[in-house]
PDB file of all heavy atoms in Angstrom:
ATOM      1  N   GLU A   1    -124.365 -30.731 -83.829  1.00  0.00           N
ATOM      2  CA  GLU A   1    -123.724 -30.113 -82.640  1.00  0.00           C
ATOM      3  C   GLU A   1    -122.266 -29.549 -83.032  1.00  0.00           C
ATOM      4  O   GLU A   1    -121.896 -28.531 -82.453  1.00  0.00           O
ATOM      5  CB  GLU A   1    -123.526 -31.240 -81.668  1.00  0.00           C
ATOM      6  CG  GLU A   1    -124.841 -31.752 -81.122  1.00  0.00           C
ATOM      7  CD  GLU A   1    -124.528 -32.822 -80.043  1.00  0.00           C
ATOM      8  OE1 GLU A   1    -123.525 -32.792 -79.372  1.00  0.00           O
ATOM      9  OE2 GLU A   1    -125.493 -33.593 -79.788  1.00  0.00           O
ATOM     10  N   CYS A   2    -121.650 -30.124 -84.102  1.00  0.00           N
ATOM     11  CA  CYS A   2    -120.355 -29.712 -84.341  1.00  0.00           C
ATOM     12  C   CYS A   2    -120.350 -28.723 -85.696  1.00  0.00           C
ATOM     13  O   CYS A   2    -119.354 -28.257 -86.260  1.00  0.00           O
ATOM     14  CB  CYS A   2    -119.452 -30.806 -84.919  1.00  0.00           C
ATOM     15  SG  CYS A   2    -119.080 -31.967 -83.549  1.00  0.00           S
ATOM     16  N   ALA A   3    -121.690 -28.213 -85.982  1.00  0.00           N
ATOM     17  CA  ALA A   3    -121.869 -27.176 -86.986  1.00  0.00           C
ATOM     18  C   ALA A   3    -121.420 -27.576 -88.388  1.00  0.00           C
ATOM     19  O   ALA A   3    -120.998 -26.673 -89.185  1.00  0.00           O
ATOM     20  CB  ALA A   3    -121.323 -25.849 -86.681  1.00  0.00           C
ATOM     21  N   LEU A   4    -121.406 -28.861 -88.735  1.00  0.00           N
ATOM     22  CA  LEU A   4    -121.081 -29.369 -90.060  1.00  0.00           C
ATOM     23  C   LEU A   4    -122.181 -29.254 -91.019  1.00  0.00           C
ATOM     24  O   LEU A   4    -123.293 -29.917 -90.803  1.00  0.00           O
ATOM     25  CB  LEU A   4    -120.623 -30.763 -90.005  1.00  0.00           C
ATOM     26  CG  LEU A   4    -119.133 -30.865 -89.283  1.00  0.00           C
ATOM     27  CD1 LEU A   4    -118.863 -32.353 -89.123  1.00  0.00           C
ATOM     28  CD2 LEU A   4    -118.128 -30.220 -90.099  1.00  0.00           C
ATOM     29  N   THR A   5    -122.101 -28.494 -92.114  1.00  0.00           N
ATOM     30  CA  THR A   5    -123.094 -28.337 -93.048  1.00  0.00           C
ATOM     31  C   THR A   5    -123.068 -29.501 -94.153  1.00  0.00           C
ATOM     32  O   THR A   5    -122.111 -30.279 -94.157  1.00  0.00           O
ATOM     33  CB  THR A   5    -122.930 -27.103 -93.813  1.00  0.00           C
ATOM     34  OG1 THR A   5    -121.728 -27.099 -94.644  1.00  0.00           O
ATOM     35  CG2 THR A   5    -122.970 -25.796 -93.032  1.00  0.00           C
ATOM     36  N   LYS A   6    -124.086 -29.517 -94.916  1.00  0.00           N
ATOM     37  CA  LYS A   6    -124.156 -30.701 -95.983  1.00  0.00           C
ATOM     38  C   LYS A   6    -122.859 -30.489 -96.896  1.00  0.00           C
ATOM     39  O   LYS A   6    -122.266 -31.607 -97.263  1.00  0.00           O
ATOM     40  CB  LYS A   6    -125.394 -30.407 -96.777  1.00  0.00           C
ATOM     41  CG  LYS A   6    -125.661 -31.626 -97.715  1.00  0.00           C
ATOM     42  CD  LYS A   6    -126.251 -32.848 -96.866  1.00  0.00           C
ATOM     43  CE  LYS A   6    -126.785 -33.890 -97.827  1.00  0.00           C
ATOM     44  NZ  LYS A   6    -127.531 -34.868 -97.032  1.00  0.00           N
ATOM     45  N   SER A   7    -122.617 -29.416 -97.351  1.00  0.00           N
ATOM     46  CA  SER A   7    -121.436 -29.224 -98.290  1.00  0.00           C
ATOM     47  C   SER A   7    -120.251 -29.696 -97.653  1.00  0.00           C
ATOM     48  O   SER A   7    -119.300 -30.268 -98.309  1.00  0.00           O
ATOM     49  CB  SER A   7    -121.372 -27.798 -98.840  1.00  0.00           C
ATOM     50  OG  SER A   7    -121.208 -26.867 -97.741  1.00  0.00           O
ATOM     51  N   GLU A   8    -119.993 -29.246 -96.455  1.00  0.00           N
ATOM     52  CA  GLU A   8    -118.806 -29.562 -95.817  1.00  0.00           C
ATOM     53  C   GLU A   8    -118.714 -31.185 -95.513  1.00  0.00           C
ATOM     54  O   GLU A   8    -117.597 -31.804 -95.712  1.00  0.00           O
ATOM     55  CB  GLU A   8    -118.753 -28.989 -94.363  1.00  0.00           C
ATOM     56  CG  GLU A   8    -118.574 -27.488 -94.404  1.00  0.00           C
ATOM     57  CD  GLU A   8    -118.534 -26.840 -92.991  1.00  0.00           C
ATOM     58  OE1 GLU A   8    -119.565 -27.055 -92.341  1.00  0.00           O
ATOM     59  OE2 GLU A   8    -117.626 -26.143 -92.597  1.00  0.00           O
ATOM     60  N   ILE A   9    -119.857 -31.826 -95.235  1.00  0.00           N
ATOM     61  CA  ILE A   9    -119.895 -33.319 -95.082  1.00  0.00           C
ATOM     62  C   ILE A   9    -119.444 -34.003 -96.420  1.00  0.00           C
ATOM     63  O   ILE A   9    -118.905 -34.886 -96.457  1.00  0.00           O
ATOM     64  CB  ILE A   9    -121.255 -33.594 -94.564  1.00  0.00           C
ATOM     65  CG1 ILE A   9    -121.474 -33.259 -93.111  1.00  0.00           C
ATOM     66  CG2 ILE A   9    -121.421 -35.236 -94.643  1.00  0.00           C
ATOM     67  CD1 ILE A   9    -122.765 -33.217 -92.662  1.00  0.00           C
ATOM     68  N   ARG A  10    -120.145 -33.363 -97.503  1.00  0.00           N
ATOM     69  CA  ARG A  10    -119.673 -33.977 -98.800  1.00  0.00           C
ATOM     70  C   ARG A  10    -118.290 -33.814 -99.101  1.00  0.00           C
ATOM     71  O   ARG A  10    -117.636 -34.885 -99.593  1.00  0.00           O
ATOM     72  CB  ARG A  10    -120.490 -33.309 -99.959  1.00  0.00           C
ATOM     73  CG  ARG A  10    -122.039 -33.665 -99.989  1.00  0.00           C
ATOM     74  CD  ARG A  10    -122.693 -33.148-101.241  1.00  0.00           C
ATOM     75  NE  ARG A  10    -124.147 -33.382-101.179  1.00  0.00           N
ATOM     76  CZ  ARG A  10    -124.676 -34.664-101.609  1.00  0.00           C
ATOM     77  NH1 ARG A  10    -123.858 -35.602-101.928  1.00  0.00           N
ATOM     78  NH2 ARG A  10    -125.957 -34.753-101.627  1.00  0.00           N
ATOM     79  N   GLU A  11    -117.655 -32.707 -98.874  1.00  0.00           N
ATOM     80  CA  GLU A  11    -116.160 -32.609 -99.112  1.00  0.00           C
ATOM     81  C   GLU A  11    -115.456 -33.480 -98.231  1.00  0.00           C
ATOM     82  O   GLU A  11    -114.469 -34.110 -98.727  1.00  0.00           O
ATOM     83  CB  GLU A  11    -115.884 -31.055 -98.925  1.00  0.00           C
ATOM     84  CG  GLU A  11    -114.480 -30.752 -99.147  1.00  0.00           C
ATOM     85  CD  GLU A  11    -114.109 -31.013-100.603  1.00  0.00           C
ATOM     86  OE1 GLU A  11    -114.929 -30.693-101.421  1.00  0.00           O
ATOM     87  OE2 GLU A  11    -112.921 -31.424-100.843  1.00  0.00           O
ATOM     88  N   ARG A  12    -115.777 -33.665 -96.915  1.00  0.00           N
ATOM     89  CA  ARG A  12    -114.973 -34.551 -96.071  1.00  0.00           C
ATOM     90  C   ARG A  12    -115.162 -35.935 -96.527  1.00  0.00           C
ATOM     91  O   ARG A  12    -114.265 -36.633 -96.293  1.00  0.00           O
ATOM     92  CB  ARG A  12    -115.497 -34.343 -94.662  1.00  0.00           C
ATOM     93  CG  ARG A  12    -115.060 -32.854 -93.999  1.00  0.00           C
ATOM     94  CD  ARG A  12    -115.329 -32.959 -92.541  1.00  0.00           C
ATOM     95  NE  ARG A  12    -114.946 -31.676 -91.987  1.00  0.00           N
ATOM     96  CZ  ARG A  12    -114.809 -31.540 -90.591  1.00  0.00           C
ATOM     97  NH1 ARG A  12    -115.014 -32.604 -89.863  1.00  0.00           N
ATOM     98  NH2 ARG A  12    -114.543 -30.401 -90.044  1.00  0.00           N
ATOM     99  N   SER A  13    -116.391 -36.258 -96.875  1.00  0.00           N
ATOM    100  CA  SER A  13    -116.679 -37.652 -97.430  1.00  0.00           C
ATOM    101  C   SER A  13    -115.781 -38.028 -98.607  1.00  0.00           C
ATOM    102  O   SER A  13    -115.258 -39.126 -98.686  1.00  0.00           O
ATOM    103  CB  SER A  13    -118.133 -37.817 -97.767  1.00  0.00           C
ATOM    104  OG  SER A  13    -118.890 -37.633 -96.647  1.00  0.00           O
ATOM    105  N   LYS A  14    -115.680 -37.028 -99.504  1.00  0.00           N
ATOM    106  CA  LYS A  14    -114.853 -37.193-100.765  1.00  0.00           C
ATOM    107  C   LYS A  14    -113.425 -37.409-100.384  1.00  0.00           C
ATOM    108  O   LYS A  14    -112.666 -38.346-100.807  1.00  0.00           O
ATOM    109  CB  LYS A  14    -114.949 -36.052-101.590  1.00  0.00           C
ATOM    110  CG  LYS A  14    -114.203 -36.093-102.980  1.00  0.00           C
ATOM    111  CD  LYS A  14    -114.414 -34.920-103.781  1.00  0.00           C
ATOM    112  CE  LYS A  14    -113.793 -35.086-105.156  1.00  0.00           C
ATOM    113  NZ  LYS A  14    -113.898 -33.845-106.023  1.00  0.00           N
ATOM    114  N   GLU A  15    -112.938 -36.633 -99.427  1.00  0.00           N
ATOM    115  CA  GLU A  15    -111.534 -36.761 -98.873  1.00  0.00           C
ATOM    116  C   GLU A  15    -111.258 -38.174 -98.222  1.00  0.00           C
ATOM    117  O   GLU A  15    -110.168 -38.654 -98.286  1.00  0.00           O
ATOM    118  CB  GLU A  15    -111.179 -35.636 -97.950  1.00  0.00           C
ATOM    119  CG  GLU A  15    -111.014 -34.228 -98.490  1.00  0.00           C
ATOM    120  CD  GLU A  15    -110.981 -33.201 -97.523  1.00  0.00           C
ATOM    121  OE1 GLU A  15    -110.962 -33.520 -96.301  1.00  0.00           O
ATOM    122  OE2 GLU A  15    -110.913 -32.027 -97.936  1.00  0.00           O
ATOM    123  N   ALA A  16    -112.361 -38.661 -97.588  1.00  0.00           N
ATOM    124  CA  ALA A  16    -112.238 -39.952 -96.899  1.00  0.00           C
ATOM    125  C   ALA A  16    -112.310 -41.111 -97.777  1.00  0.00           C
ATOM    126  O   ALA A  16    -112.222 -42.242 -97.448  1.00  0.00           O
ATOM    127  CB  ALA A  16    -113.318 -39.960 -95.751  1.00  0.00           C
ATOM    128  N   GLY A  17    -112.725 -40.884 -99.103  1.00  0.00           N
ATOM    129  CA  GLY A  17    -112.987 -41.935-100.058  1.00  0.00           C
ATOM    130  C   GLY A  17    -114.237 -42.624 -99.960  1.00  0.00           C
ATOM    131  O   GLY A  17    -114.379 -43.767-100.403  1.00  0.00           O
ATOM    132  N   LEU A  18    -115.279 -41.969 -99.406  1.00  0.00           N
ATOM    133  CA  LEU A  18    -116.541 -42.663 -99.251  1.00  0.00           C
ATOM    134  C   LEU A  18    -117.307 -42.349-100.519  1.00  0.00           C
ATOM    135  O   LEU A  18    -117.465 -41.348-101.041  1.00  0.00           O
ATOM    136  CB  LEU A  18    -117.314 -42.017 -98.097  1.00  0.00           C
ATOM    137  CG  LEU A  18    -116.685 -42.050 -96.733  1.00  0.00           C
ATOM    138  CD1 LEU A  18    -117.644 -41.411 -95.694  1.00  0.00           C
ATOM    139  CD2 LEU A  18    -116.393 -43.435 -96.295  1.00  0.00           C
ATOM    140  N   PHE A  19    -117.840 -43.555-101.090  1.00  0.00           N
ATOM    141  CA  PHE A  19    -118.580 -43.426-102.394  1.00  0.00           C
ATOM    142  C   PHE A  19    -119.890 -42.649-102.270  1.00  0.00           C
ATOM    143  O   PHE A  19    -120.424 -42.173-103.323  1.00  0.00           O
ATOM    144  CB  PHE A  19    -118.799 -44.838-102.990  1.00  0.00           C
ATOM    145  CG  PHE A  19    -119.942 -45.528-102.218  1.00  0.00           C
ATOM    146  CD1 PHE A  19    -121.306 -45.399-102.511  1.00  0.00           C
ATOM    147  CD2 PHE A  19    -119.650 -46.549-101.307  1.00  0.00           C
ATOM    148  CE1 PHE A  19    -122.266 -46.138-101.859  1.00  0.00           C
ATOM    149  CE2 PHE A  19    -120.589 -47.305-100.506  1.00  0.00           C
ATOM    150  CZ  PHE A  19    -121.935 -47.025-100.997  1.00  0.00           C
ATOM    151  N   THR A  20    -120.406 -42.514-100.996  1.00  0.00           N
ATOM    152  CA  THR A  20    -121.535 -41.643-100.778  1.00  0.00           C
ATOM    153  C   THR A  20    -121.412 -40.160-100.782  1.00  0.00           C
ATOM    154  O   THR A  20    -122.346 -39.412-100.843  1.00  0.00           O
ATOM    155  CB  THR A  20    -122.205 -41.898 -99.397  1.00  0.00           C
ATOM    156  OG1 THR A  20    -121.050 -41.766 -98.447  1.00  0.00           O
ATOM    157  CG2 THR A  20    -122.630 -43.398 -99.312  1.00  0.00           C
ATOM    158  N   TRP A  21    -120.201 -39.757-101.121  1.00  0.00           N
ATOM    159  CA  TRP A  21    -119.903 -38.268-101.120  1.00  0.00           C
ATOM    160  C   TRP A  21    -120.739 -37.409-102.108  1.00  0.00           C
ATOM    161  O   TRP A  21    -121.184 -36.362-101.800  1.00  0.00           O
ATOM    162  CB  TRP A  21    -118.534 -37.950-101.242  1.00  0.00           C
ATOM    163  CG  TRP A  21    -117.926 -37.984-102.702  1.00  0.00           C
ATOM    164  CD1 TRP A  21    -117.490 -39.063-103.329  1.00  0.00           C
ATOM    165  CD2 TRP A  21    -117.894 -36.939-103.748  1.00  0.00           C
ATOM    166  NE1 TRP A  21    -117.000 -38.717-104.634  1.00  0.00           N
ATOM    167  CE2 TRP A  21    -117.388 -37.573-104.836  1.00  0.00           C
ATOM    168  CE3 TRP A  21    -118.280 -35.661-103.638  1.00  0.00           C
ATOM    169  CZ2 TRP A  21    -117.134 -36.685-106.114  1.00  0.00           C
ATOM    170  CZ3 TRP A  21    -118.148 -34.831-104.843  1.00  0.00           C
ATOM    171  CH2 TRP A  21    -117.583 -35.392-105.910  1.00  0.00           C
ATOM    172  N   GLU A  22    -121.065 -38.025-103.390  1.00  0.00           N
ATOM    173  CA  GLU A  22    -121.867 -37.291-104.343  1.00  0.00           C
ATOM    174  C   GLU A  22    -123.146 -37.892-104.422  1.00  0.00           C
ATOM    175  O   GLU A  22    -123.948 -37.686-105.461  1.00  0.00           O
ATOM    176  CB  GLU A  22    -121.053 -37.360-105.691  1.00  0.00           C
ATOM    177  CG  GLU A  22    -120.866 -38.808-106.205  1.00  0.00           C
ATOM    178  CD  GLU A  22    -120.122 -38.716-107.474  1.00  0.00           C
ATOM    179  OE1 GLU A  22    -120.026 -37.733-108.100  1.00  0.00           O
ATOM    180  OE2 GLU A  22    -119.636 -39.838-107.834  1.00  0.00           O
ATOM    181  N   LYS A  23    -123.679 -38.787-103.507  1.00  0.00           N
ATOM    182  CA  LYS A  23    -125.006 -39.359-103.501  1.00  0.00           C
ATOM    183  C   LYS A  23    -125.987 -38.233-103.367  1.00  0.00           C
ATOM    184  O   LYS A  23    -125.945 -37.432-102.472  1.00  0.00           O
ATOM    185  CB  LYS A  23    -125.098 -40.459-102.486  1.00  0.00           C
ATOM    186  CG  LYS A  23    -126.369 -41.145-102.541  1.00  0.00           C
ATOM    187  CD  LYS A  23    -126.344 -42.305-101.529  1.00  0.00           C
ATOM    188  CE  LYS A  23    -127.633 -43.054-101.638  1.00  0.00           C
ATOM    189  NZ  LYS A  23    -127.638 -44.151-100.493  1.00  0.00           N
ATOM    190  N   PRO A  24    -126.960 -38.295-104.347  1.00  0.00           N
ATOM    191  CA  PRO A  24    -128.056 -37.227-104.173  1.00  0.00           C
ATOM    192  C   PRO A  24    -128.886 -37.414-102.851  1.00  0.00           C
ATOM    193  O   PRO A  24    -129.087 -38.532-102.311  1.00  0.00           O
ATOM    194  CB  PRO A  24    -128.962 -37.404-105.357  1.00  0.00           C
ATOM    195  CG  PRO A  24    -128.089 -38.195-106.280  1.00  0.00           C
ATOM    196  CD  PRO A  24    -127.181 -38.979-105.472  1.00  0.00           C
ATOM    197  N   ALA A  25    -129.416 -36.309-102.354  1.00  0.00           N
ATOM    198  CA  ALA A  25    -130.304 -36.333-101.208  1.00  0.00           C
ATOM    199  C   ALA A  25    -131.448 -37.227-101.482  1.00  0.00           C
ATOM    200  O   ALA A  25    -132.061 -37.134-102.551  1.00  0.00           O
ATOM    201  CB  ALA A  25    -130.616 -34.935-100.681  1.00  0.00           C
ATOM    202  N   TYR A  26    -131.891 -38.051-100.614  1.00  0.00           N
ATOM    203  CA  TYR A  26    -133.067 -38.978-100.911  1.00  0.00           C
ATOM    204  C   TYR A  26    -134.054 -38.992 -99.715  1.00  0.00           C
ATOM    205  O   TYR A  26    -133.546 -39.239 -98.418  1.00  0.00           O
ATOM    206  CB  TYR A  26    -132.583 -40.435-101.136  1.00  0.00           C
ATOM    207  CG  TYR A  26    -133.599 -41.279-101.661  1.00  0.00           C
ATOM    208  CD1 TYR A  26    -134.048 -41.328-103.030  1.00  0.00           C
ATOM    209  CD2 TYR A  26    -134.353 -42.031-100.821  1.00  0.00           C
ATOM    210  CE1 TYR A  26    -134.998 -42.052-103.464  1.00  0.00           C
ATOM    211  CE2 TYR A  26    -135.389 -42.928-101.260  1.00  0.00           C
ATOM    212  CZ  TYR A  26    -135.732 -42.907-102.637  1.00  0.00           C
ATOM    213  OH  TYR A  26    -136.672 -43.674-103.023  1.00  0.00           O
ATOM    214  N   ALA A  27    -135.303 -38.600 -99.982  1.00  0.00           N
ATOM    215  CA  ALA A  27    -136.273 -38.734 -98.920  1.00  0.00           C
ATOM    216  C   ALA A  27    -137.107 -39.972 -99.160  1.00  0.00           C
ATOM    217  O   ALA A  27    -137.110 -40.470-100.256  1.00  0.00           O
ATOM    218  CB  ALA A  27    -137.195 -37.507 -99.064  1.00  0.00           C
ATOM    219  N   CYS A  28    -137.584 -40.463 -98.045  1.00  0.00           N
ATOM    220  CA  CYS A  28    -138.264 -41.678 -98.165  1.00  0.00           C
ATOM    221  C   CYS A  28    -139.521 -41.765 -99.095  1.00  0.00           C
ATOM    222  O   CYS A  28    -140.010 -40.791 -99.559  1.00  0.00           O
ATOM    223  CB  CYS A  28    -138.800 -42.139 -96.695  1.00  0.00           C
ATOM    224  SG  CYS A  28    -140.363 -41.417 -96.263  1.00  0.00           S
ATOM    225  N   LEU A  29    -139.886 -42.903 -99.597  1.00  0.00           N
ATOM    226  CA  LEU A  29    -140.861 -43.152-100.565  1.00  0.00           C
ATOM    227  C   LEU A  29    -142.284 -42.482-100.147  1.00  0.00           C
ATOM    228  O   LEU A  29    -143.098 -42.066-100.955  1.00  0.00           O
ATOM    229  CB  LEU A  29    -141.064 -44.647-100.811  1.00  0.00           C
ATOM    230  CG  LEU A  29    -139.963 -45.311-101.554  1.00  0.00           C
ATOM    231  CD1 LEU A  29    -140.188 -46.882-101.516  1.00  0.00           C
ATOM    232  CD2 LEU A  29    -139.764 -44.823-102.931  1.00  0.00           C
ATOM    233  N   ALA A  30    -142.499 -42.410 -98.831  1.00  0.00           N
ATOM    234  CA  ALA A  30    -143.814 -41.883 -98.329  1.00  0.00           C
ATOM    235  C   ALA A  30    -143.985 -40.395 -98.747  1.00  0.00           C
ATOM    236  O   ALA A  30    -145.076 -40.015 -98.925  1.00  0.00           O
ATOM    237  CB  ALA A  30    -143.877 -42.021 -96.857  1.00  0.00           C
ATOM    238  N   THR A  31    -142.831 -39.784 -98.947  1.00  0.00           N
ATOM    239  CA  THR A  31    -142.862 -38.261 -99.397  1.00  0.00           C
ATOM    240  C   THR A  31    -143.450 -38.093-100.713  1.00  0.00           C
ATOM    241  O   THR A  31    -143.702 -37.001-101.140  1.00  0.00           O
ATOM    242  CB  THR A  31    -141.505 -37.663 -99.162  1.00  0.00           C
ATOM    243  OG1 THR A  31    -140.661 -38.212-100.184  1.00  0.00           O
ATOM    244  CG2 THR A  31    -140.980 -37.696 -97.817  1.00  0.00           C
ATOM    245  N   ARG A  32    -143.605 -39.077-101.522  1.00  0.00           N
ATOM    246  CA  ARG A  32    -144.139 -39.010-102.912  1.00  0.00           C
ATOM    247  C   ARG A  32    -145.698 -39.041-102.888  1.00  0.00           C
ATOM    248  O   ARG A  32    -146.335 -38.639-103.870  1.00  0.00           O
ATOM    249  CB  ARG A  32    -143.712 -40.129-103.793  1.00  0.00           C
ATOM    250  CG  ARG A  32    -142.103 -40.561-103.635  1.00  0.00           C
ATOM    251  CD  ARG A  32    -141.201 -39.424-104.183  1.00  0.00           C
ATOM    252  NE  ARG A  32    -140.054 -39.923-104.375  1.00  0.00           N
ATOM    253  CZ  ARG A  32    -138.891 -39.977-103.441  1.00  0.00           C
ATOM    254  NH1 ARG A  32    -139.296 -39.582-102.093  1.00  0.00           N
ATOM    255  NH2 ARG A  32    -137.763 -40.505-103.694  1.00  0.00           N
ATOM    256  N   ILE A  33    -146.209 -39.344-101.677  1.00  0.00           N
ATOM    257  CA  ILE A  33    -147.707 -39.398-101.585  1.00  0.00           C
ATOM    258  C   ILE A  33    -148.156 -38.121-100.791  1.00  0.00           C
ATOM    259  O   ILE A  33    -147.695 -37.883 -99.691  1.00  0.00           O
ATOM    260  CB  ILE A  33    -148.107 -40.706-100.874  1.00  0.00           C
ATOM    261  CG1 ILE A  33    -147.603 -41.945-101.635  1.00  0.00           C
ATOM    262  CG2 ILE A  33    -149.629 -40.770-100.747  1.00  0.00           C
ATOM    263  CD1 ILE A  33    -147.685 -43.173-100.983  1.00  0.00           C
ATOM    264  N   PRO A  34    -149.118 -37.456-101.389  1.00  0.00           N
ATOM    265  CA  PRO A  34    -149.610 -36.177-100.757  1.00  0.00           C
ATOM    266  C   PRO A  34    -150.083 -36.414 -99.321  1.00  0.00           C
ATOM    267  O   PRO A  34    -150.735 -37.417 -99.043  1.00  0.00           O
ATOM    268  CB  PRO A  34    -150.630 -35.708-101.656  1.00  0.00           C
ATOM    269  CG  PRO A  34    -150.521 -36.289-103.118  1.00  0.00           C
ATOM    270  CD  PRO A  34    -149.903 -37.611-102.641  1.00  0.00           C
ATOM    271  N   ALA A  35    -149.819 -35.410 -98.478  1.00  0.00           N
ATOM    272  CA  ALA A  35    -150.275 -35.493 -97.083  1.00  0.00           C
ATOM    273  C   ALA A  35    -151.839 -35.624 -97.128  1.00  0.00           C
ATOM    274  O   ALA A  35    -152.471 -34.971 -97.876  1.00  0.00           O
ATOM    275  CB  ALA A  35    -149.885 -34.246 -96.286  1.00  0.00           C
ATOM    276  N   GLY A  36    -152.384 -36.429 -96.260  1.00  0.00           N
ATOM    277  CA  GLY A  36    -153.750 -36.709 -96.161  1.00  0.00           C
ATOM    278  C   GLY A  36    -154.338 -37.810 -97.094  1.00  0.00           C
ATOM    279  O   GLY A  36    -155.387 -38.233 -96.925  1.00  0.00           O
ATOM    280  N   THR A  37    -153.490 -38.357 -98.020  1.00  0.00           N
ATOM    281  CA  THR A  37    -153.788 -39.433 -98.766  1.00  0.00           C
ATOM    282  C   THR A  37    -153.174 -40.680 -98.056  1.00  0.00           C
ATOM    283  O   THR A  37    -152.003 -40.765 -97.809  1.00  0.00           O
ATOM    284  CB  THR A  37    -153.089 -39.295-100.297  1.00  0.00           C
ATOM    285  OG1 THR A  37    -153.585 -38.021-100.823  1.00  0.00           O
ATOM    286  CG2 THR A  37    -153.464 -40.487-101.150  1.00  0.00           C
ATOM    287  N   GLU A  38    -154.036 -41.649 -97.957  1.00  0.00           N
ATOM    288  CA  GLU A  38    -153.608 -42.902 -97.364  1.00  0.00           C
ATOM    289  C   GLU A  38    -152.448 -43.619 -98.039  1.00  0.00           C
ATOM    290  O   GLU A  38    -152.345 -43.650 -99.252  1.00  0.00           O
ATOM    291  CB  GLU A  38    -154.830 -43.936 -97.235  1.00  0.00           C
ATOM    292  CG  GLU A  38    -154.421 -45.253 -96.591  1.00  0.00           C
ATOM    293  CD  GLU A  38    -155.417 -46.337 -96.661  1.00  0.00           C
ATOM    294  OE1 GLU A  38    -156.479 -46.147 -97.534  1.00  0.00           O
ATOM    295  OE2 GLU A  38    -155.328 -47.403 -95.892  1.00  0.00           O
ATOM    296  N   ILE A  39    -151.452 -44.001 -97.234  1.00  0.00           N
ATOM    297  CA  ILE A  39    -150.323 -44.796 -97.741  1.00  0.00           C
ATOM    298  C   ILE A  39    -150.585 -46.202 -97.763  1.00  0.00           C
ATOM    299  O   ILE A  39    -151.012 -46.735 -96.601  1.00  0.00           O
ATOM    300  CB  ILE A  39    -149.063 -44.358 -96.964  1.00  0.00           C
ATOM    301  CG1 ILE A  39    -148.723 -42.910 -96.905  1.00  0.00           C
ATOM    302  CG2 ILE A  39    -147.845 -45.173 -97.467  1.00  0.00           C
ATOM    303  CD1 ILE A  39    -147.648 -42.499 -95.953  1.00  0.00           C
ATOM    304  N   THR A  40    -150.260 -46.727 -98.828  1.00  0.00           N
ATOM    305  CA  THR A  40    -150.472 -48.253 -98.943  1.00  0.00           C
ATOM    306  C   THR A  40    -149.281 -48.937 -99.544  1.00  0.00           C
ATOM    307  O   THR A  40    -148.505 -48.235-100.162  1.00  0.00           O
ATOM    308  CB  THR A  40    -151.778 -48.783 -99.862  1.00  0.00           C
ATOM    309  OG1 THR A  40    -151.491 -48.265-101.137  1.00  0.00           O
ATOM    310  CG2 THR A  40    -152.969 -47.992 -99.419  1.00  0.00           C
TER     311      THR A  40
END
């Protein structure tokens, strides 16, 4: 809603001293399994 992009959020996080500022994007484990293949 405030039009903050990923790069801006990383920069602000760095300024705030948050260790997450350089954390790589991470999608959940289910994304490693092709769609249509049962997840177990």
